[in-house]
Amino acid sequence: KDQDRAAQAFLKEASVMTSLRHPNLVQLIGVVLGDTIRLVTEFMGKGNLVEYLRSRGRSVIQKKDQIDFATDTCAAMEYLESKKLVHRDLAARNILINENNTAKVSDFGLAKYGDYSTEGGKFPIKWTAPEALKNNNFSNKSDMWSYGILLWELYSFGRVPYPRIPLADVVMHVEKGYRMEAPEGCPKQIYSLMLRAWNLNPAERPTFKEALQELQNLRSTTV
């Protein structure tokens, strides 16, 4: 019975997802029902952003590519924000790149049906806002915290966040005010956005709409 209920909830969520249309969201085309439920999405030929960054590195990826990926991702999140939809698992591993080098957000809406129970301790701790980890308070503002981490991944060419801190200590460090340093070569405007995204008070974090405006301005001056 629980399985049936979970499947129904999943299908309801999937029906919402198929109705979402944005050039920077991976399009859900349909659902295949069988012993397991399978999603059919548009094909994203260049894989996820983490692998893309790590396999190409600084010699291939230009500042222009980075600001494009940052803006693409933010545009999708601004669209979800406008629909009052929360992603819950925003990270570079969930950003996919197509043949035209467009970045698109994937896996939105489904995190709550995965292994993301607080009891299971399966939250991606390094990407999740403190209020979401502690009180299950997921919102567009907790997504913004995760977006700040994603920007750090993007500008560090796919490094794992908080590289020198044991996983068990990350939350304590963050709550005491520790913030990651700017990655080498990261524009100061981008690092400023990261720091604002990592404000412990969710209300003080920028909206995706505000962030998108900043990124579009920066993009227009990036060569």
N, C-alpha and C. Protein backbone atom coordinates (compact mmCIF):
# COMPACT_ATOMS: atom_id res chain seq x y z
N LYS A 1 0.83 -1.21 0.00
CA LYS A 1 0.00 0.00 0.00
C LYS A 1 0.87 1.26 0.00
N ASP A 2 1.86 1.26 0.87
CA ASP A 2 2.75 2.43 0.91
C ASP A 2 3.41 2.65 -0.44
N GLN A 3 3.76 1.53 -1.07
CA GLN A 3 4.40 1.60 -2.38
C GLN A 3 3.45 2.21 -3.41
N ASP A 4 2.18 1.79 -3.36
CA ASP A 4 1.17 2.34 -4.27
C ASP A 4 1.01 3.83 -4.05
N ARG A 5 0.96 4.21 -2.79
CA ARG A 5 0.80 5.64 -2.48
C ARG A 5 2.00 6.44 -2.98
N ALA A 6 3.18 5.88 -2.77
CA ALA A 6 4.40 6.55 -3.23
C ALA A 6 4.39 6.68 -4.75
N ALA A 7 3.95 5.61 -5.43
CA ALA A 7 3.89 5.64 -6.90
C ALA A 7 2.90 6.69 -7.38
N GLN A 8 1.75 6.78 -6.70
CA GLN A 8 0.75 7.78 -7.09
C GLN A 8 1.28 9.20 -6.87
N ALA A 9 1.95 9.39 -5.74
CA ALA A 9 2.53 10.70 -5.45
C ALA A 9 3.58 11.06 -6.49
N PHE A 10 4.37 10.07 -6.85
CA PHE A 10 5.42 10.24 -7.86
C PHE A 10 4.81 10.65 -9.20
N LEU A 11 3.74 9.95 -9.59
CA LEU A 11 3.09 10.25 -10.88
C LEU A 11 2.45 11.63 -10.87
N LYS A 12 1.91 12.01 -9.73
CA LYS A 12 1.32 13.34 -9.61
C LYS A 12 2.41 14.40 -9.81
N GLU A 13 3.54 14.17 -9.16
CA GLU A 13 4.68 15.07 -9.29
C GLU A 13 5.17 15.11 -10.74
N ALA A 14 5.24 13.93 -11.36
CA ALA A 14 5.70 13.85 -12.75
C ALA A 14 4.76 14.60 -13.68
N SER A 15 3.46 14.58 -13.38
CA SER A 15 2.51 15.29 -14.24
C SER A 15 2.73 16.80 -14.15
N VAL A 16 3.12 17.27 -12.95
CA VAL A 16 3.48 18.69 -12.80
C VAL A 16 4.72 18.97 -13.63
N MET A 17 5.69 18.07 -13.54
CA MET A 17 6.96 18.27 -14.25
C MET A 17 6.77 18.31 -15.77
N THR A 18 5.88 17.47 -16.30
CA THR A 18 5.70 17.48 -17.76
C THR A 18 5.06 18.79 -18.22
N SER A 19 4.39 19.49 -17.30
CA SER A 19 3.74 20.75 -17.68
C SER A 19 4.71 21.93 -17.64
N LEU A 20 5.89 21.73 -17.06
CA LEU A 20 6.87 22.82 -16.97
C LEU A 20 7.62 22.96 -18.29
N ARG A 21 7.73 24.18 -18.76
CA ARG A 21 8.42 24.43 -20.03
C ARG A 21 9.38 25.60 -19.86
N HIS A 22 10.65 25.32 -19.98
CA HIS A 22 11.66 26.39 -19.92
C HIS A 22 12.89 25.89 -20.67
N PRO A 23 13.54 26.78 -21.44
CA PRO A 23 14.70 26.33 -22.23
C PRO A 23 15.87 25.83 -21.38
N ASN A 24 15.86 26.12 -20.08
CA ASN A 24 16.96 25.64 -19.22
C ASN A 24 16.52 24.61 -18.18
N LEU A 25 15.36 24.00 -18.43
CA LEU A 25 14.93 22.83 -17.64
C LEU A 25 14.97 21.63 -18.56
N VAL A 26 15.54 20.52 -18.08
CA VAL A 26 15.50 19.28 -18.86
C VAL A 26 14.04 18.88 -19.01
N GLN A 27 13.60 18.73 -20.26
CA GLN A 27 12.18 18.46 -20.51
C GLN A 27 11.83 17.01 -20.20
N LEU A 28 10.84 16.85 -19.32
CA LEU A 28 10.31 15.51 -19.06
C LEU A 28 9.28 15.20 -20.14
N ILE A 29 9.54 14.16 -20.92
CA ILE A 29 8.68 13.83 -22.05
C ILE A 29 7.55 12.90 -21.61
N GLY A 30 7.86 11.97 -20.73
CA GLY A 30 6.82 11.05 -20.29
C GLY A 30 7.32 10.10 -19.23
N VAL A 31 6.42 9.22 -18.81
CA VAL A 31 6.71 8.24 -17.77
C VAL A 31 6.35 6.86 -18.30
N VAL A 32 7.25 5.90 -18.11
CA VAL A 32 6.98 4.52 -18.52
C VAL A 32 6.69 3.71 -17.26
N LEU A 33 5.50 3.10 -17.22
CA LEU A 33 5.11 2.32 -16.05
C LEU A 33 5.44 0.85 -16.25
N GLY A 34 5.96 0.24 -15.22
CA GLY A 34 6.27 -1.20 -15.26
C GLY A 34 6.59 -1.62 -13.85
N ASP A 35 7.46 -2.59 -13.69
CA ASP A 35 7.88 -2.96 -12.34
C ASP A 35 8.54 -1.78 -11.64
N THR A 36 9.28 -1.02 -12.42
CA THR A 36 9.82 0.23 -11.89
C THR A 36 9.31 1.35 -12.78
N ILE A 37 9.21 2.54 -12.20
CA ILE A 37 8.76 3.70 -12.98
C ILE A 37 9.98 4.34 -13.62
N ARG A 38 9.91 4.56 -14.92
CA ARG A 38 11.04 5.19 -15.62
C ARG A 38 10.60 6.52 -16.23
N LEU A 39 11.50 7.48 -16.14
CA LEU A 39 11.24 8.79 -16.74
C LEU A 39 11.90 8.87 -18.10
N VAL A 40 11.22 9.49 -19.04
CA VAL A 40 11.79 9.73 -20.36
C VAL A 40 12.01 11.24 -20.48
N THR A 41 13.27 11.64 -20.67
CA THR A 41 13.59 13.07 -20.77
C THR A 41 14.30 13.34 -22.10
N GLU A 42 14.42 14.62 -22.42
CA GLU A 42 15.20 14.98 -23.60
C GLU A 42 16.65 14.51 -23.42
N PHE A 43 17.32 14.27 -24.53
CA PHE A 43 18.70 13.76 -24.49
C PHE A 43 19.67 14.92 -24.27
N MET A 44 20.57 14.75 -23.31
CA MET A 44 21.57 15.77 -23.00
C MET A 44 22.95 15.16 -23.24
N GLY A 45 23.49 15.40 -24.44
CA GLY A 45 24.63 14.63 -24.94
C GLY A 45 25.95 14.82 -24.24
N LYS A 46 26.13 15.93 -23.51
CA LYS A 46 27.45 16.17 -22.90
C LYS A 46 27.48 15.86 -21.41
N GLY A 47 26.44 15.23 -20.91
CA GLY A 47 26.47 14.73 -19.53
C GLY A 47 26.31 15.81 -18.48
N ASN A 48 26.68 15.48 -17.24
CA ASN A 48 26.45 16.44 -16.16
C ASN A 48 27.61 17.43 -16.00
N LEU A 49 27.31 18.53 -15.34
CA LEU A 49 28.24 19.66 -15.26
C LEU A 49 29.53 19.30 -14.51
N VAL A 50 29.43 18.48 -13.46
CA VAL A 50 30.64 18.11 -12.72
C VAL A 50 31.63 17.40 -13.63
N GLU A 51 31.14 16.39 -14.34
CA GLU A 51 32.03 15.62 -15.23
C GLU A 51 32.52 16.50 -16.38
N TYR A 52 31.65 17.36 -16.87
CA TYR A 52 32.03 18.28 -17.95
C TYR A 52 33.20 19.16 -17.51
N LEU A 53 33.09 19.71 -16.30
CA LEU A 53 34.15 20.60 -15.78
C LEU A 53 35.44 19.85 -15.53
N ARG A 54 35.33 18.69 -14.90
CA ARG A 54 36.54 17.93 -14.54
C ARG A 54 37.27 17.40 -15.77
N SER A 55 36.52 16.99 -16.78
CA SER A 55 37.16 16.37 -17.95
C SER A 55 37.78 17.40 -18.88
N ARG A 56 37.34 18.65 -18.80
CA ARG A 56 37.85 19.68 -19.71
C ARG A 56 38.82 20.64 -19.01
N GLY A 57 38.44 21.11 -17.82
CA GLY A 57 39.36 21.93 -17.03
C GLY A 57 39.61 23.33 -17.58
N ARG A 58 40.57 23.99 -16.96
CA ARG A 58 40.85 25.40 -17.25
C ARG A 58 41.35 25.64 -18.67
N SER A 59 41.99 24.63 -19.25
CA SER A 59 42.56 24.85 -20.59
C SER A 59 41.48 24.97 -21.66
N VAL A 60 40.32 24.38 -21.39
CA VAL A 60 39.24 24.34 -22.40
C VAL A 60 38.10 25.30 -22.05
N ILE A 61 37.73 25.32 -20.77
CA ILE A 61 36.55 26.08 -20.35
C ILE A 61 36.94 27.54 -20.12
N GLN A 62 36.23 28.42 -20.80
CA GLN A 62 36.52 29.86 -20.73
C GLN A 62 35.58 30.54 -19.73
N LYS A 63 35.95 31.78 -19.35
CA LYS A 63 35.09 32.58 -18.47
C LYS A 63 33.67 32.70 -19.05
N LYS A 64 33.61 32.84 -20.38
CA LYS A 64 32.31 32.98 -21.05
C LYS A 64 31.45 31.73 -20.83
N ASP A 65 32.07 30.56 -20.90
CA ASP A 65 31.33 29.31 -20.67
C ASP A 65 30.77 29.28 -19.25
N GLN A 66 31.62 29.69 -18.30
CA GLN A 66 31.20 29.63 -16.89
C GLN A 66 30.02 30.56 -16.62
N ILE A 67 30.09 31.79 -17.13
CA ILE A 67 28.98 32.72 -16.88
C ILE A 67 27.72 32.25 -17.63
N ASP A 68 27.90 31.64 -18.79
CA ASP A 68 26.75 31.08 -19.51
C ASP A 68 26.07 29.99 -18.69
N PHE A 69 26.87 29.06 -18.16
CA PHE A 69 26.30 27.96 -17.36
C PHE A 69 25.62 28.50 -16.10
N ALA A 70 26.26 29.49 -15.46
CA ALA A 70 25.69 30.09 -14.24
C ALA A 70 24.35 30.75 -14.55
N THR A 71 24.30 31.47 -15.68
CA THR A 71 23.08 32.19 -16.05
C THR A 71 21.98 31.22 -16.48
N ASP A 72 22.35 30.22 -17.27
CA ASP A 72 21.37 29.20 -17.69
C ASP A 72 20.69 28.57 -16.48
N THR A 73 21.51 28.17 -15.52
CA THR A 73 20.99 27.49 -14.33
C THR A 73 20.10 28.42 -13.52
N CYS A 74 20.55 29.66 -13.36
CA CYS A 74 19.78 30.63 -12.58
C CYS A 74 18.45 30.94 -13.26
N ALA A 75 18.43 30.98 -14.59
CA ALA A 75 17.19 31.25 -15.33
C ALA A 75 16.15 30.16 -15.07
N ALA A 76 16.61 28.91 -15.06
CA ALA A 76 15.69 27.80 -14.77
C ALA A 76 15.16 27.90 -13.35
N MET A 77 16.05 28.25 -12.42
CA MET A 77 15.64 28.34 -11.01
C MET A 77 14.71 29.54 -10.79
N GLU A 78 14.92 30.60 -11.54
CA GLU A 78 14.02 31.76 -11.45
C GLU A 78 12.62 31.36 -11.94
N TYR A 79 12.57 30.53 -12.96
CA TYR A 79 11.29 30.02 -13.46
C TYR A 79 10.60 29.16 -12.40
N LEU A 80 11.35 28.23 -11.77
CA LEU A 80 10.76 27.40 -10.71
C LEU A 80 10.31 28.28 -9.54
N GLU A 81 11.12 29.29 -9.20
CA GLU A 81 10.76 30.22 -8.12
C GLU A 81 9.45 30.93 -8.44
N SER A 82 9.28 31.33 -9.70
CA SER A 82 8.05 32.03 -10.10
C SER A 82 6.83 31.13 -9.99
N LYS A 83 7.05 29.82 -10.08
CA LYS A 83 5.96 28.83 -9.95
C LYS A 83 5.84 28.33 -8.50
N LYS A 84 6.67 28.91 -7.62
CA LYS A 84 6.70 28.48 -6.20
C LYS A 84 7.04 26.99 -6.06
N LEU A 85 7.91 26.52 -6.93
CA LEU A 85 8.38 25.14 -6.88
C LEU A 85 9.81 25.12 -6.33
N VAL A 86 10.08 24.16 -5.48
CA VAL A 86 11.39 24.04 -4.83
C VAL A 86 12.10 22.82 -5.38
N HIS A 87 13.37 22.98 -5.73
CA HIS A 87 14.13 21.86 -6.31
C HIS A 87 14.56 20.85 -5.25
N ARG A 88 15.19 21.34 -4.18
CA ARG A 88 15.66 20.55 -3.03
C ARG A 88 17.01 19.84 -3.23
N ASP A 89 17.46 19.69 -4.45
CA ASP A 89 18.72 18.95 -4.65
C ASP A 89 19.54 19.60 -5.76
N LEU A 90 19.65 20.93 -5.70
CA LEU A 90 20.40 21.65 -6.72
C LEU A 90 21.89 21.47 -6.48
N ALA A 91 22.60 21.00 -7.49
CA ALA A 91 24.04 20.76 -7.42
C ALA A 91 24.54 20.57 -8.84
N ALA A 92 25.83 20.74 -9.05
CA ALA A 92 26.38 20.62 -10.42
C ALA A 92 26.11 19.25 -11.02
N ARG A 93 26.01 18.22 -10.18
CA ARG A 93 25.74 16.87 -10.71
C ARG A 93 24.34 16.78 -11.33
N ASN A 94 23.45 17.70 -10.95
CA ASN A 94 22.08 17.69 -11.49
C ASN A 94 21.87 18.75 -12.57
N ILE A 95 22.97 19.29 -13.08
CA ILE A 95 22.91 20.19 -14.24
C ILE A 95 23.46 19.41 -15.43
N LEU A 96 22.68 19.34 -16.50
CA LEU A 96 23.10 18.60 -17.69
C LEU A 96 23.39 19.56 -18.83
N ILE A 97 24.31 19.15 -19.70
CA ILE A 97 24.77 20.00 -20.81
C ILE A 97 24.39 19.32 -22.13
N ASN A 98 23.78 20.09 -23.04
CA ASN A 98 23.43 19.49 -24.34
C ASN A 98 24.50 19.79 -25.39
N GLU A 99 24.24 19.32 -26.60
CA GLU A 99 25.24 19.45 -27.68
C GLU A 99 25.56 20.91 -28.01
N ASN A 100 24.62 21.82 -27.72
CA ASN A 100 24.85 23.24 -28.00
C ASN A 100 25.49 23.98 -26.82
N ASN A 101 25.95 23.21 -25.83
CA ASN A 101 26.55 23.79 -24.61
C ASN A 101 25.56 24.62 -23.79
N THR A 102 24.29 24.27 -23.87
CA THR A 102 23.29 24.88 -23.00
C THR A 102 23.18 24.04 -21.73
N ALA A 103 23.20 24.72 -20.59
CA ALA A 103 23.04 24.01 -19.31
C ALA A 103 21.56 23.97 -18.93
N LYS A 104 21.12 22.81 -18.45
CA LYS A 104 19.72 22.65 -18.05
C LYS A 104 19.64 21.94 -16.70
N VAL A 105 18.69 22.38 -15.90
CA VAL A 105 18.48 21.80 -14.57
C VAL A 105 17.65 20.53 -14.70
N SER A 106 18.11 19.46 -14.04
CA SER A 106 17.36 18.20 -14.06
C SER A 106 17.00 17.79 -12.63
N ASP A 107 16.24 16.72 -12.52
CA ASP A 107 15.90 16.11 -11.22
C ASP A 107 15.11 17.02 -10.29
N PHE A 108 14.45 18.04 -10.82
CA PHE A 108 13.66 18.91 -9.95
C PHE A 108 12.37 18.19 -9.57
N GLY A 109 11.93 18.45 -8.35
CA GLY A 109 10.64 17.91 -7.92
C GLY A 109 10.67 16.49 -7.43
N LEU A 110 11.73 15.74 -7.73
CA LEU A 110 11.73 14.32 -7.39
C LEU A 110 12.54 13.99 -6.15
N ALA A 111 13.32 14.95 -5.68
CA ALA A 111 14.22 14.64 -4.56
C ALA A 111 13.45 14.10 -3.36
N LYS A 112 12.24 14.64 -3.14
CA LYS A 112 11.50 14.22 -1.94
C LYS A 112 11.04 12.78 -2.03
N TYR A 113 11.08 12.18 -3.23
CA TYR A 113 10.68 10.78 -3.35
C TYR A 113 11.89 9.85 -3.42
N GLY A 114 13.08 10.44 -3.35
CA GLY A 114 14.28 9.61 -3.35
C GLY A 114 14.65 9.26 -1.93
N ASP A 115 15.94 9.15 -1.68
CA ASP A 115 16.42 8.75 -0.36
C ASP A 115 16.66 9.97 0.53
N TYR A 116 15.83 10.98 0.39
CA TYR A 116 16.14 12.23 1.08
C TYR A 116 15.34 12.37 2.37
N SER A 117 15.26 11.29 3.14
CA SER A 117 14.59 11.38 4.43
C SER A 117 15.61 11.82 5.46
N THR A 118 15.16 12.61 6.43
CA THR A 118 16.09 13.06 7.47
C THR A 118 16.54 11.88 8.31
N GLU A 119 15.64 10.91 8.51
CA GLU A 119 16.01 9.74 9.31
C GLU A 119 17.16 8.99 8.64
N GLY A 120 17.08 8.89 7.32
CA GLY A 120 18.10 8.13 6.61
C GLY A 120 19.44 8.85 6.54
N GLY A 121 19.42 10.15 6.90
CA GLY A 121 20.66 10.92 6.85
C GLY A 121 21.24 11.00 5.46
N LYS A 122 20.38 10.99 4.44
CA LYS A 122 20.88 10.93 3.07
C LYS A 122 20.93 12.30 2.39
N PHE A 123 20.68 13.36 3.16
CA PHE A 123 20.77 14.68 2.55
C PHE A 123 22.18 14.91 2.02
N PRO A 124 22.31 15.54 0.86
CA PRO A 124 23.65 15.95 0.39
C PRO A 124 24.10 17.14 1.24
N ILE A 125 24.73 16.84 2.36
CA ILE A 125 24.98 17.83 3.42
C ILE A 125 25.71 19.07 2.90
N LYS A 126 26.70 18.87 2.05
CA LYS A 126 27.52 20.01 1.62
C LYS A 126 26.75 21.00 0.73
N TRP A 127 25.62 20.56 0.19
CA TRP A 127 24.84 21.42 -0.71
C TRP A 127 23.58 21.97 -0.04
N THR A 128 23.20 21.44 1.11
CA THR A 128 21.89 21.74 1.69
C THR A 128 21.99 22.85 2.73
N ALA A 129 21.05 23.79 2.67
CA ALA A 129 21.03 24.92 3.60
C ALA A 129 20.83 24.43 5.04
N PRO A 130 21.43 25.13 6.01
CA PRO A 130 21.32 24.69 7.41
C PRO A 130 19.88 24.50 7.89
N GLU A 131 18.97 25.43 7.51
CA GLU A 131 17.59 25.32 8.00
C GLU A 131 16.86 24.13 7.39
N ALA A 132 17.32 23.71 6.20
CA ALA A 132 16.72 22.52 5.57
C ALA A 132 17.25 21.25 6.23
N LEU A 133 18.54 21.26 6.56
CA LEU A 133 19.13 20.10 7.25
C LEU A 133 18.53 19.90 8.63
N LYS A 134 18.37 21.02 9.34
CA LYS A 134 17.96 20.93 10.75
C LYS A 134 16.45 20.78 10.92
N ASN A 135 15.69 21.55 10.15
CA ASN A 135 14.24 21.63 10.38
C ASN A 135 13.41 21.21 9.17
N ASN A 136 14.08 20.68 8.16
CA ASN A 136 13.36 20.28 6.94
C ASN A 136 12.69 21.46 6.25
N ASN A 137 13.21 22.67 6.49
CA ASN A 137 12.64 23.87 5.88
C ASN A 137 13.22 24.09 4.49
N PHE A 138 12.62 23.45 3.50
CA PHE A 138 13.05 23.64 2.11
C PHE A 138 12.22 24.76 1.50
N SER A 139 12.89 25.62 0.74
CA SER A 139 12.22 26.76 0.13
C SER A 139 13.06 27.21 -1.06
N ASN A 140 12.57 28.23 -1.77
CA ASN A 140 13.39 28.80 -2.84
C ASN A 140 14.68 29.39 -2.26
N LYS A 141 14.63 29.82 -1.00
CA LYS A 141 15.83 30.37 -0.36
C LYS A 141 16.82 29.28 0.03
N SER A 142 16.34 28.07 0.35
CA SER A 142 17.30 26.98 0.59
C SER A 142 17.91 26.54 -0.75
N ASP A 143 17.10 26.62 -1.82
CA ASP A 143 17.66 26.37 -3.16
C ASP A 143 18.75 27.39 -3.49
N MET A 144 18.57 28.64 -3.06
CA MET A 144 19.57 29.68 -3.33
C MET A 144 20.89 29.35 -2.62
N TRP A 145 20.81 28.83 -1.40
CA TRP A 145 22.04 28.38 -0.70
C TRP A 145 22.75 27.35 -1.57
N SER A 146 22.00 26.36 -2.05
CA SER A 146 22.58 25.30 -2.89
C SER A 146 23.16 25.87 -4.17
N TYR A 147 22.49 26.89 -4.71
CA TYR A 147 22.99 27.53 -5.93
C TYR A 147 24.36 28.17 -5.68
N GLY A 148 24.54 28.75 -4.50
CA GLY A 148 25.85 29.31 -4.14
C GLY A 148 26.93 28.23 -4.15
N ILE A 149 26.60 27.05 -3.65
CA ILE A 149 27.55 25.93 -3.67
C ILE A 149 27.83 25.50 -5.12
N LEU A 150 26.77 25.47 -5.92
CA LEU A 150 26.92 25.11 -7.34
C LEU A 150 27.86 26.10 -8.05
N LEU A 151 27.72 27.39 -7.75
CA LEU A 151 28.62 28.38 -8.34
C LEU A 151 30.07 28.10 -7.94
N TRP A 152 30.27 27.72 -6.68
CA TRP A 152 31.63 27.39 -6.22
C TRP A 152 32.16 26.19 -7.01
N GLU A 153 31.32 25.19 -7.24
CA GLU A 153 31.72 24.02 -8.04
C GLU A 153 32.11 24.45 -9.46
N LEU A 154 31.28 25.32 -10.03
CA LEU A 154 31.48 25.77 -11.41
C LEU A 154 32.82 26.50 -11.55
N TYR A 155 33.13 27.38 -10.60
CA TYR A 155 34.35 28.19 -10.71
C TYR A 155 35.58 27.48 -10.15
N SER A 156 35.39 26.34 -9.51
CA SER A 156 36.55 25.54 -9.08
C SER A 156 36.75 24.34 -10.01
N PHE A 157 36.03 24.35 -11.13
CA PHE A 157 36.16 23.30 -12.16
C PHE A 157 35.84 21.90 -11.61
N GLY A 158 34.76 21.87 -10.80
CA GLY A 158 34.23 20.57 -10.39
C GLY A 158 34.83 19.98 -9.13
N ARG A 159 35.50 20.80 -8.33
CA ARG A 159 36.00 20.26 -7.05
C ARG A 159 34.83 19.97 -6.11
N VAL A 160 35.06 19.05 -5.18
CA VAL A 160 34.04 18.77 -4.16
C VAL A 160 34.08 19.91 -3.13
N PRO A 161 32.92 20.48 -2.77
CA PRO A 161 32.90 21.59 -1.82
C PRO A 161 33.51 21.24 -0.46
N TYR A 162 33.94 22.26 0.26
CA TYR A 162 34.57 22.12 1.58
C TYR A 162 35.67 21.07 1.56
N PRO A 163 36.65 21.26 0.69
CA PRO A 163 37.64 20.20 0.45
C PRO A 163 38.44 19.77 1.68
N ARG A 164 38.65 20.67 2.63
CA ARG A 164 39.53 20.31 3.76
C ARG A 164 38.76 20.01 5.05
N ILE A 165 37.43 19.96 4.96
CA ILE A 165 36.64 19.76 6.18
C ILE A 165 35.94 18.41 6.15
N PRO A 166 36.09 17.60 7.19
CA PRO A 166 35.37 16.32 7.23
C PRO A 166 33.86 16.55 7.16
N LEU A 167 33.16 15.68 6.46
CA LEU A 167 31.71 15.84 6.24
C LEU A 167 30.97 16.09 7.55
N ALA A 168 31.32 15.35 8.59
CA ALA A 168 30.61 15.46 9.87
C ALA A 168 30.76 16.84 10.51
N ASP A 169 31.78 17.59 10.10
CA ASP A 169 32.05 18.90 10.72
C ASP A 169 31.55 20.08 9.90
N VAL A 170 31.04 19.83 8.70
CA VAL A 170 30.68 20.93 7.79
C VAL A 170 29.64 21.85 8.42
N VAL A 171 28.55 21.27 8.93
CA VAL A 171 27.44 22.10 9.44
C VAL A 171 27.92 22.97 10.60
N MET A 172 28.68 22.39 11.51
CA MET A 172 29.19 23.14 12.66
C MET A 172 30.05 24.33 12.19
N HIS A 173 30.94 24.07 11.24
CA HIS A 173 31.80 25.14 10.72
C HIS A 173 30.96 26.25 10.09
N VAL A 174 29.98 25.85 9.28
CA VAL A 174 29.15 26.84 8.57
C VAL A 174 28.36 27.69 9.57
N GLU A 175 27.81 27.05 10.59
CA GLU A 175 27.01 27.80 11.57
C GLU A 175 27.87 28.75 12.39
N LYS A 176 29.15 28.43 12.51
CA LYS A 176 30.08 29.32 13.22
C LYS A 176 30.61 30.43 12.32
N GLY A 177 30.19 30.43 11.06
CA GLY A 177 30.57 31.52 10.17
C GLY A 177 31.60 31.18 9.12
N TYR A 178 32.06 29.93 9.09
CA TYR A 178 33.05 29.56 8.06
C TYR A 178 32.40 29.60 6.68
N ARG A 179 33.10 30.19 5.71
CA ARG A 179 32.66 30.16 4.32
C ARG A 179 33.85 29.80 3.44
N MET A 180 33.58 29.07 2.38
CA MET A 180 34.67 28.71 1.47
C MET A 180 35.27 29.95 0.83
N GLU A 181 36.55 29.90 0.56
CA GLU A 181 37.22 31.00 -0.13
C GLU A 181 36.81 30.99 -1.60
N ALA A 182 37.02 32.13 -2.25
CA ALA A 182 36.73 32.20 -3.69
C ALA A 182 37.68 31.28 -4.44
N PRO A 183 37.16 30.51 -5.40
CA PRO A 183 38.05 29.70 -6.23
C PRO A 183 39.01 30.60 -7.01
N GLU A 184 40.15 30.07 -7.34
CA GLU A 184 41.15 30.83 -8.10
C GLU A 184 40.54 31.35 -9.40
N GLY A 185 40.71 32.64 -9.65
CA GLY A 185 40.23 33.23 -10.90
C GLY A 185 38.74 33.55 -10.92
N CYS A 186 38.05 33.33 -9.81
CA CYS A 186 36.60 33.59 -9.76
C CYS A 186 36.34 35.10 -9.73
N PRO A 187 35.46 35.62 -10.61
CA PRO A 187 35.15 37.05 -10.59
C PRO A 187 34.58 37.47 -9.23
N LYS A 188 34.94 38.68 -8.79
CA LYS A 188 34.51 39.10 -7.45
C LYS A 188 32.99 39.22 -7.35
N GLN A 189 32.32 39.55 -8.47
CA GLN A 189 30.85 39.65 -8.43
C GLN A 189 30.22 38.29 -8.17
N ILE A 190 30.84 37.25 -8.72
CA ILE A 190 30.32 35.89 -8.52
C ILE A 190 30.54 35.45 -7.07
N TYR A 191 31.71 35.76 -6.52
CA TYR A 191 31.98 35.38 -5.13
C TYR A 191 31.06 36.15 -4.17
N SER A 192 30.79 37.40 -4.50
CA SER A 192 29.85 38.19 -3.70
C SER A 192 28.47 37.53 -3.68
N LEU A 193 28.04 37.03 -4.84
CA LEU A 193 26.75 36.34 -4.93
C LEU A 193 26.76 35.06 -4.08
N MET A 194 27.87 34.32 -4.15
CA MET A 194 27.99 33.10 -3.32
C MET A 194 27.81 33.44 -1.84
N LEU A 195 28.54 34.46 -1.37
CA LEU A 195 28.50 34.80 0.06
C LEU A 195 27.09 35.22 0.48
N ARG A 196 26.39 35.95 -0.38
CA ARG A 196 25.02 36.35 -0.05
C ARG A 196 24.07 35.15 -0.06
N ALA A 197 24.34 34.20 -0.95
CA ALA A 197 23.53 32.97 -0.99
C ALA A 197 23.72 32.15 0.29
N TRP A 198 24.89 32.31 0.93
CA TRP A 198 25.22 31.54 2.14
C TRP A 198 24.93 32.31 3.42
N ASN A 199 24.02 33.27 3.37
CA ASN A 199 23.61 33.95 4.60
C ASN A 199 22.80 32.98 5.45
N LEU A 200 23.11 32.89 6.74
CA LEU A 200 22.38 31.95 7.60
C LEU A 200 20.90 32.30 7.71
N ASN A 201 20.57 33.58 7.49
CA ASN A 201 19.16 34.00 7.51
C ASN A 201 18.60 33.89 6.09
N PRO A 202 17.68 32.94 5.85
CA PRO A 202 17.15 32.75 4.49
C PRO A 202 16.58 34.03 3.88
N ALA A 203 15.95 34.86 4.71
CA ALA A 203 15.31 36.08 4.20
C ALA A 203 16.33 37.06 3.63
N GLU A 204 17.59 36.94 4.08
CA GLU A 204 18.64 37.85 3.61
C GLU A 204 19.27 37.39 2.29
N ARG A 205 18.99 36.17 1.90
CA ARG A 205 19.57 35.67 0.64
C ARG A 205 18.86 36.32 -0.55
N PRO A 206 19.56 36.48 -1.67
CA PRO A 206 18.89 37.04 -2.85
C PRO A 206 17.84 36.07 -3.39
N THR A 207 16.90 36.60 -4.14
CA THR A 207 15.99 35.74 -4.90
C THR A 207 16.70 35.33 -6.19
N PHE A 208 16.19 34.32 -6.86
CA PHE A 208 16.78 33.94 -8.15
C PHE A 208 16.54 35.03 -9.18
N LYS A 209 15.44 35.76 -9.03
CA LYS A 209 15.17 36.86 -9.96
C LYS A 209 16.26 37.94 -9.84
N GLU A 210 16.62 38.26 -8.60
CA GLU A 210 17.68 39.26 -8.36
C GLU A 210 19.03 38.75 -8.87
N ALA A 211 19.31 37.49 -8.57
CA ALA A 211 20.59 36.91 -9.00
C ALA A 211 20.69 36.87 -10.52
N LEU A 212 19.58 36.54 -11.17
CA LEU A 212 19.58 36.45 -12.64
C LEU A 212 19.91 37.80 -13.26
N GLN A 213 19.36 38.87 -12.70
CA GLN A 213 19.64 40.22 -13.20
C GLN A 213 21.14 40.52 -13.10
N GLU A 214 21.74 40.19 -11.97
CA GLU A 214 23.18 40.41 -11.78
C GLU A 214 24.00 39.61 -12.79
N LEU A 215 23.62 38.35 -12.96
CA LEU A 215 24.38 37.48 -13.86
C LEU A 215 24.25 37.92 -15.31
N GLN A 216 23.06 38.36 -15.69
CA GLN A 216 22.87 38.83 -17.07
C GLN A 216 23.72 40.08 -17.33
N ASN A 217 23.81 40.95 -16.33
CA ASN A 217 24.66 42.14 -16.46
C ASN A 217 26.12 41.74 -16.60
N LEU A 218 26.55 40.78 -15.78
CA LEU A 218 27.94 40.32 -15.82
C LEU A 218 28.23 39.60 -17.14
N ARG A 219 27.26 38.84 -17.59
CA ARG A 219 27.42 38.08 -18.84
C ARG A 219 27.65 39.02 -20.02
N SER A 220 26.93 40.15 -20.00
CA SER A 220 27.03 41.08 -21.13
C SER A 220 28.41 41.74 -21.22
N THR A 221 29.18 41.69 -20.12
CA THR A 221 30.52 42.31 -20.14
C THR A 221 31.63 41.26 -20.12
N THR A 222 31.27 39.98 -20.16
CA THR A 222 32.28 38.91 -20.12
C THR A 222 32.62 38.46 -21.53
N VAL A 223 33.91 38.45 -21.84
CA VAL A 223 34.32 38.02 -23.20
C VAL A 223 35.05 36.69 -23.13
